[in-house]
Amino acid sequence: MSSEHPPFVPPGPEAKVFVISVAAELSGLHPQTLRTYDRMGLVEAGRTGGGGRRYSLRDVELLRTVARLTAEGLGLEGVKRVIELENQVTALQEKVAELQTELAAAHQALGTVQNLPVRATQAQIAVWRRTR
């Protein structure tokens, strides 16, 4: 009797799969630091039914960014503002790309529209001749 399993699909970068100790190790930070950042809203950890924190790969990348910025001398409020601004820039870049796609589709649609019919009128031409 063979049991077929669906193919394994790895979780995406947003999936909250890492426990706090693993996320701390991957980010190079202490677990208590991760808790502090979570309370400050720098990183939003997911929660299990029992209340344990879970982090995604994207969260770990963000934690590494926070660690780099603080190591460069930026305060946590400054780091928070930098992250907010980076998120705004990303959102605006996505919106620009969306609008460019819409514009290209509109240009293409306009290119395929037949010319409007022109109502033909008969022109009258008067020829003047000199009489003697």
N, C-alpha and C. Protein backbone atom coordinates (compact mmCIF):
# COMPACT_ATOMS: atom_id res chain seq x y z
N MET A 1 0.84 -1.17 0.00
CA MET A 1 0.00 0.00 0.00
C MET A 1 0.89 1.24 0.00
N SER A 2 0.78 2.02 -1.04
CA SER A 2 1.63 3.20 -1.12
C SER A 2 0.80 4.42 -0.77
N SER A 3 1.37 5.24 0.07
CA SER A 3 0.67 6.47 0.41
C SER A 3 1.36 7.61 -0.30
N GLU A 4 0.57 8.36 -1.02
CA GLU A 4 1.12 9.49 -1.77
C GLU A 4 1.00 10.75 -0.93
N HIS A 5 2.10 11.45 -0.86
CA HIS A 5 2.12 12.72 -0.14
C HIS A 5 2.20 13.84 -1.17
N PRO A 6 1.55 14.93 -0.89
CA PRO A 6 1.71 16.06 -1.81
C PRO A 6 3.17 16.52 -1.78
N PRO A 7 3.64 17.11 -2.85
CA PRO A 7 5.04 17.57 -2.86
C PRO A 7 5.27 18.62 -1.78
N PHE A 8 6.47 18.59 -1.24
CA PHE A 8 6.82 19.56 -0.20
C PHE A 8 7.00 20.93 -0.82
N VAL A 9 6.34 21.89 -0.25
CA VAL A 9 6.49 23.27 -0.69
C VAL A 9 7.08 24.04 0.49
N PRO A 10 8.31 24.54 0.34
CA PRO A 10 8.91 25.27 1.46
C PRO A 10 8.13 26.55 1.75
N PRO A 11 8.14 26.96 3.01
CA PRO A 11 7.42 28.19 3.36
C PRO A 11 8.08 29.41 2.72
N GLY A 12 7.28 30.40 2.44
CA GLY A 12 7.79 31.63 1.84
C GLY A 12 8.50 32.49 2.87
N PRO A 13 9.07 33.59 2.43
CA PRO A 13 9.84 34.46 3.33
C PRO A 13 8.99 35.15 4.40
N GLU A 14 7.67 35.14 4.23
CA GLU A 14 6.78 35.77 5.22
C GLU A 14 6.28 34.78 6.27
N ALA A 15 6.51 33.49 6.06
CA ALA A 15 5.99 32.47 6.99
C ALA A 15 6.72 32.57 8.33
N LYS A 16 5.95 32.65 9.39
CA LYS A 16 6.51 32.78 10.75
C LYS A 16 6.85 31.38 11.26
N VAL A 17 8.09 30.95 11.02
CA VAL A 17 8.47 29.57 11.33
C VAL A 17 9.60 29.44 12.36
N PHE A 18 10.35 30.51 12.62
CA PHE A 18 11.49 30.40 13.51
C PHE A 18 11.12 30.77 14.94
N VAL A 19 11.49 29.89 15.89
CA VAL A 19 11.31 30.24 17.30
C VAL A 19 12.32 31.32 17.64
N ILE A 20 12.12 31.98 18.77
CA ILE A 20 12.93 33.14 19.11
C ILE A 20 14.42 32.81 19.23
N SER A 21 14.75 31.63 19.74
CA SER A 21 16.18 31.29 19.88
C SER A 21 16.84 31.14 18.51
N VAL A 22 16.14 30.57 17.55
CA VAL A 22 16.71 30.41 16.21
C VAL A 22 16.81 31.77 15.52
N ALA A 23 15.76 32.59 15.64
CA ALA A 23 15.79 33.92 15.04
C ALA A 23 16.91 34.76 15.65
N ALA A 24 17.13 34.62 16.95
CA ALA A 24 18.21 35.36 17.62
C ALA A 24 19.56 34.90 17.07
N GLU A 25 19.73 33.62 16.91
CA GLU A 25 21.00 33.10 16.40
C GLU A 25 21.22 33.55 14.95
N LEU A 26 20.19 33.46 14.14
CA LEU A 26 20.31 33.85 12.73
C LEU A 26 20.58 35.35 12.56
N SER A 27 20.04 36.16 13.47
CA SER A 27 20.21 37.61 13.36
C SER A 27 21.44 38.11 14.11
N GLY A 28 22.01 37.28 14.96
CA GLY A 28 23.17 37.69 15.74
C GLY A 28 22.81 38.54 16.95
N LEU A 29 21.55 38.49 17.36
CA LEU A 29 21.08 39.28 18.50
C LEU A 29 20.66 38.36 19.65
N HIS A 30 20.56 38.95 20.82
CA HIS A 30 20.12 38.20 22.01
C HIS A 30 18.59 38.09 21.97
N PRO A 31 18.04 36.96 22.44
CA PRO A 31 16.57 36.82 22.45
C PRO A 31 15.86 37.97 23.17
N GLN A 32 16.46 38.49 24.24
CA GLN A 32 15.83 39.61 24.95
C GLN A 32 15.76 40.85 24.06
N THR A 33 16.76 41.02 23.22
CA THR A 33 16.75 42.14 22.27
C THR A 33 15.59 41.98 21.29
N LEU A 34 15.35 40.76 20.83
CA LEU A 34 14.23 40.51 19.93
C LEU A 34 12.91 40.84 20.61
N ARG A 35 12.78 40.49 21.88
CA ARG A 35 11.55 40.81 22.63
C ARG A 35 11.37 42.33 22.71
N THR A 36 12.46 43.05 22.98
CA THR A 36 12.40 44.51 23.06
C THR A 36 11.98 45.10 21.72
N TYR A 37 12.58 44.64 20.65
CA TYR A 37 12.24 45.14 19.32
C TYR A 37 10.79 44.84 18.97
N ASP A 38 10.30 43.70 19.42
CA ASP A 38 8.90 43.34 19.19
C ASP A 38 7.98 44.31 19.93
N ARG A 39 8.31 44.59 21.20
CA ARG A 39 7.50 45.54 21.98
C ARG A 39 7.52 46.94 21.38
N MET A 40 8.66 47.33 20.79
CA MET A 40 8.78 48.66 20.19
C MET A 40 8.09 48.74 18.83
N GLY A 41 7.77 47.59 18.26
CA GLY A 41 7.15 47.59 16.95
C GLY A 41 8.14 47.61 15.80
N LEU A 42 9.42 47.41 16.08
CA LEU A 42 10.41 47.34 15.01
C LEU A 42 10.23 46.09 14.17
N VAL A 43 9.93 45.00 14.85
CA VAL A 43 9.68 43.71 14.19
C VAL A 43 8.42 43.13 14.83
N GLU A 44 7.51 42.66 14.01
CA GLU A 44 6.27 42.09 14.54
C GLU A 44 6.34 40.57 14.45
N ALA A 45 6.62 39.95 15.59
CA ALA A 45 6.68 38.50 15.63
C ALA A 45 5.27 37.92 15.61
N GLY A 46 5.15 36.75 14.99
CA GLY A 46 3.89 36.03 15.05
C GLY A 46 3.79 35.37 16.41
N ARG A 47 2.61 34.89 16.75
CA ARG A 47 2.41 34.23 18.04
C ARG A 47 1.81 32.84 17.85
N THR A 48 2.27 31.92 18.66
CA THR A 48 1.66 30.59 18.68
C THR A 48 0.46 30.64 19.60
N GLY A 49 -0.29 29.54 19.64
CA GLY A 49 -1.44 29.47 20.55
C GLY A 49 -1.03 29.67 22.00
N GLY A 50 0.18 29.23 22.35
CA GLY A 50 0.68 29.37 23.71
C GLY A 50 1.36 30.70 23.97
N GLY A 51 1.42 31.57 22.97
CA GLY A 51 2.02 32.89 23.16
C GLY A 51 3.47 33.01 22.76
N GLY A 52 4.08 31.91 22.31
CA GLY A 52 5.48 31.98 21.88
C GLY A 52 5.64 32.78 20.60
N ARG A 53 6.77 33.46 20.53
CA ARG A 53 7.03 34.26 19.33
C ARG A 53 7.55 33.39 18.20
N ARG A 54 7.15 33.75 16.97
CA ARG A 54 7.65 33.09 15.76
C ARG A 54 8.06 34.18 14.77
N TYR A 55 9.18 33.94 14.11
CA TYR A 55 9.74 34.92 13.19
C TYR A 55 9.87 34.33 11.79
N SER A 56 9.74 35.18 10.80
CA SER A 56 9.89 34.76 9.41
C SER A 56 11.31 35.07 8.93
N LEU A 57 11.63 34.58 7.76
CA LEU A 57 12.92 34.91 7.16
C LEU A 57 13.01 36.42 6.93
N ARG A 58 11.91 37.02 6.52
CA ARG A 58 11.88 38.48 6.31
C ARG A 58 12.14 39.20 7.64
N ASP A 59 11.57 38.68 8.75
CA ASP A 59 11.82 39.27 10.07
C ASP A 59 13.30 39.18 10.43
N VAL A 60 13.91 38.03 10.15
CA VAL A 60 15.34 37.85 10.46
C VAL A 60 16.17 38.85 9.66
N GLU A 61 15.83 39.04 8.39
CA GLU A 61 16.55 40.04 7.57
C GLU A 61 16.38 41.44 8.16
N LEU A 62 15.17 41.74 8.62
CA LEU A 62 14.91 43.04 9.24
C LEU A 62 15.71 43.20 10.53
N LEU A 63 15.77 42.15 11.33
CA LEU A 63 16.56 42.18 12.56
C LEU A 63 18.04 42.44 12.26
N ARG A 64 18.53 41.83 11.21
CA ARG A 64 19.93 42.06 10.82
C ARG A 64 20.14 43.51 10.38
N THR A 65 19.15 44.07 9.71
CA THR A 65 19.22 45.48 9.31
C THR A 65 19.24 46.38 10.53
N VAL A 66 18.37 46.08 11.51
CA VAL A 66 18.33 46.86 12.75
C VAL A 66 19.69 46.78 13.45
N ALA A 67 20.26 45.58 13.51
CA ALA A 67 21.55 45.40 14.16
C ALA A 67 22.64 46.21 13.44
N ARG A 68 22.61 46.20 12.11
CA ARG A 68 23.61 46.95 11.34
C ARG A 68 23.47 48.45 11.56
N LEU A 69 22.22 48.94 11.52
CA LEU A 69 22.00 50.38 11.69
C LEU A 69 22.37 50.86 13.09
N THR A 70 22.05 50.05 14.10
CA THR A 70 22.42 50.45 15.47
C THR A 70 23.94 50.38 15.65
N ALA A 71 24.58 49.40 15.00
CA ALA A 71 26.05 49.31 15.09
C ALA A 71 26.71 50.52 14.43
N GLU A 72 26.02 51.10 13.44
CA GLU A 72 26.54 52.29 12.76
C GLU A 72 26.26 53.56 13.55
N GLY A 73 25.59 53.42 14.71
CA GLY A 73 25.38 54.56 15.60
C GLY A 73 24.00 55.17 15.58
N LEU A 74 23.08 54.60 14.84
CA LEU A 74 21.72 55.13 14.78
C LEU A 74 20.93 54.63 15.99
N GLY A 75 20.17 55.53 16.61
CA GLY A 75 19.33 55.14 17.74
C GLY A 75 18.11 54.35 17.27
N LEU A 76 17.45 53.69 18.20
CA LEU A 76 16.32 52.84 17.84
C LEU A 76 15.17 53.61 17.21
N GLU A 77 14.91 54.83 17.68
CA GLU A 77 13.85 55.63 17.07
C GLU A 77 14.24 56.01 15.63
N GLY A 78 15.51 56.30 15.43
CA GLY A 78 16.00 56.59 14.08
C GLY A 78 15.89 55.37 13.18
N VAL A 79 16.23 54.21 13.74
CA VAL A 79 16.11 52.95 12.99
C VAL A 79 14.65 52.72 12.59
N LYS A 80 13.76 52.95 13.54
CA LYS A 80 12.33 52.77 13.27
C LYS A 80 11.88 53.67 12.12
N ARG A 81 12.35 54.92 12.14
CA ARG A 81 11.97 55.87 11.08
C ARG A 81 12.56 55.47 9.73
N VAL A 82 13.81 55.00 9.73
CA VAL A 82 14.45 54.54 8.49
C VAL A 82 13.65 53.38 7.90
N ILE A 83 13.24 52.44 8.75
CA ILE A 83 12.47 51.28 8.27
C ILE A 83 11.13 51.74 7.71
N GLU A 84 10.46 52.67 8.40
CA GLU A 84 9.19 53.20 7.89
C GLU A 84 9.38 53.85 6.53
N LEU A 85 10.43 54.64 6.38
CA LEU A 85 10.68 55.31 5.11
C LEU A 85 11.03 54.31 4.01
N GLU A 86 11.81 53.29 4.35
CA GLU A 86 12.13 52.26 3.36
C GLU A 86 10.86 51.53 2.91
N ASN A 87 9.96 51.27 3.85
CA ASN A 87 8.69 50.62 3.50
C ASN A 87 7.85 51.51 2.60
N GLN A 88 7.86 52.82 2.87
CA GLN A 88 7.12 53.75 2.02
C GLN A 88 7.72 53.79 0.61
N VAL A 89 9.04 53.80 0.53
CA VAL A 89 9.71 53.81 -0.78
C VAL A 89 9.34 52.55 -1.55
N THR A 90 9.37 51.41 -0.89
CA THR A 90 9.01 50.14 -1.55
C THR A 90 7.58 50.18 -2.05
N ALA A 91 6.66 50.68 -1.21
CA ALA A 91 5.25 50.77 -1.61
C ALA A 91 5.08 51.70 -2.80
N LEU A 92 5.79 52.82 -2.79
CA LEU A 92 5.71 53.77 -3.90
C LEU A 92 6.30 53.17 -5.18
N GLN A 93 7.40 52.43 -5.07
CA GLN A 93 7.99 51.79 -6.24
C GLN A 93 7.02 50.77 -6.83
N GLU A 94 6.32 50.03 -5.97
CA GLU A 94 5.34 49.06 -6.46
C GLU A 94 4.19 49.78 -7.15
N LYS A 95 3.74 50.91 -6.60
CA LYS A 95 2.65 51.67 -7.20
C LYS A 95 3.07 52.23 -8.55
N VAL A 96 4.30 52.75 -8.64
CA VAL A 96 4.80 53.27 -9.91
C VAL A 96 4.84 52.15 -10.96
N ALA A 97 5.31 50.98 -10.58
CA ALA A 97 5.36 49.86 -11.52
C ALA A 97 3.95 49.48 -11.98
N GLU A 98 3.01 49.48 -11.04
CA GLU A 98 1.61 49.17 -11.38
C GLU A 98 1.05 50.21 -12.36
N LEU A 99 1.31 51.48 -12.10
CA LEU A 99 0.82 52.54 -12.97
C LEU A 99 1.50 52.50 -14.35
N GLN A 100 2.77 52.14 -14.38
CA GLN A 100 3.46 52.01 -15.66
C GLN A 100 2.85 50.88 -16.49
N THR A 101 2.49 49.80 -15.84
CA THR A 101 1.84 48.68 -16.53
C THR A 101 0.49 49.12 -17.09
N GLU A 102 -0.28 49.84 -16.27
CA GLU A 102 -1.58 50.34 -16.73
C GLU A 102 -1.41 51.31 -17.90
N LEU A 103 -0.41 52.17 -17.82
CA LEU A 103 -0.16 53.14 -18.88
C LEU A 103 0.23 52.43 -20.18
N ALA A 104 1.08 51.43 -20.07
CA ALA A 104 1.49 50.68 -21.26
C ALA A 104 0.29 49.98 -21.89
N ALA A 105 -0.59 49.42 -21.05
CA ALA A 105 -1.80 48.76 -21.56
C ALA A 105 -2.71 49.77 -22.24
N ALA A 106 -2.83 50.96 -21.67
CA ALA A 106 -3.66 52.01 -22.27
C ALA A 106 -3.09 52.46 -23.62
N HIS A 107 -1.75 52.61 -23.68
CA HIS A 107 -1.12 52.99 -24.94
C HIS A 107 -1.34 51.92 -26.00
N GLN A 108 -1.23 50.67 -25.59
CA GLN A 108 -1.44 49.58 -26.53
C GLN A 108 -2.89 49.55 -27.01
N ALA A 109 -3.82 49.77 -26.10
CA ALA A 109 -5.24 49.78 -26.47
C ALA A 109 -5.53 50.93 -27.44
N LEU A 110 -4.93 52.07 -27.19
CA LEU A 110 -5.13 53.21 -28.09
C LEU A 110 -4.54 52.94 -29.46
N GLY A 111 -3.46 52.20 -29.50
CA GLY A 111 -2.84 51.88 -30.77
C GLY A 111 -3.67 50.94 -31.61
N THR A 112 -4.55 50.18 -31.01
CA THR A 112 -5.36 49.22 -31.76
C THR A 112 -6.74 49.75 -32.10
N VAL A 113 -7.07 50.94 -31.62
CA VAL A 113 -8.38 51.51 -31.91
C VAL A 113 -8.38 52.00 -33.35
N GLN A 114 -9.41 51.65 -34.10
CA GLN A 114 -9.52 52.12 -35.48
C GLN A 114 -9.78 53.61 -35.48
N ASN A 115 -9.31 54.25 -36.52
CA ASN A 115 -9.60 55.68 -36.65
C ASN A 115 -11.10 55.88 -36.76
N LEU A 116 -11.55 56.96 -36.23
CA LEU A 116 -12.97 57.27 -36.32
C LEU A 116 -13.31 57.58 -37.78
N PRO A 117 -14.51 57.22 -38.20
CA PRO A 117 -14.86 57.50 -39.60
C PRO A 117 -14.94 59.00 -39.84
N VAL A 118 -14.50 59.38 -41.01
CA VAL A 118 -14.54 60.78 -41.40
C VAL A 118 -15.67 60.93 -42.41
N ARG A 119 -16.53 61.85 -42.13
CA ARG A 119 -17.64 62.07 -43.04
C ARG A 119 -17.12 62.82 -44.26
N ALA A 120 -17.25 62.19 -45.37
CA ALA A 120 -16.75 62.80 -46.60
C ALA A 120 -17.73 63.83 -47.11
N THR A 121 -17.22 64.96 -47.46
CA THR A 121 -18.06 66.01 -48.06
C THR A 121 -17.51 66.28 -49.45
N GLN A 122 -18.40 66.65 -50.31
CA GLN A 122 -17.95 66.97 -51.66
C GLN A 122 -17.53 68.43 -51.69
N ALA A 123 -16.35 68.60 -52.13
CA ALA A 123 -15.85 69.97 -52.24
C ALA A 123 -16.23 70.51 -53.61
N GLN A 124 -16.61 71.74 -53.59
CA GLN A 124 -16.94 72.38 -54.87
C GLN A 124 -15.79 73.30 -55.24
N ILE A 125 -15.42 73.14 -56.47
CA ILE A 125 -14.31 73.95 -56.95
C ILE A 125 -14.85 74.87 -58.03
N ALA A 126 -14.54 76.09 -57.89
CA ALA A 126 -14.93 77.07 -58.91
C ALA A 126 -13.71 77.43 -59.72
N VAL A 127 -13.85 77.37 -61.02
CA VAL A 127 -12.74 77.71 -61.89
C VAL A 127 -13.09 79.03 -62.57
N TRP A 128 -12.26 79.97 -62.45
CA TRP A 128 -12.47 81.28 -63.08
C TRP A 128 -11.65 81.34 -64.34
N ARG A 129 -12.35 81.78 -65.37
CA ARG A 129 -11.67 81.97 -66.62
C ARG A 129 -11.85 83.41 -67.08
N ARG A 130 -10.80 83.87 -67.60
CA ARG A 130 -10.86 85.24 -68.08
C ARG A 130 -11.59 85.25 -69.44
N THR A 131 -12.50 86.11 -69.54
CA THR A 131 -13.20 86.24 -70.81
C THR A 131 -12.66 87.44 -71.56
N ARG A 132 -12.75 87.40 -72.85
CA ARG A 132 -12.23 88.51 -73.63
C ARG A 132 -13.26 89.43 -74.04
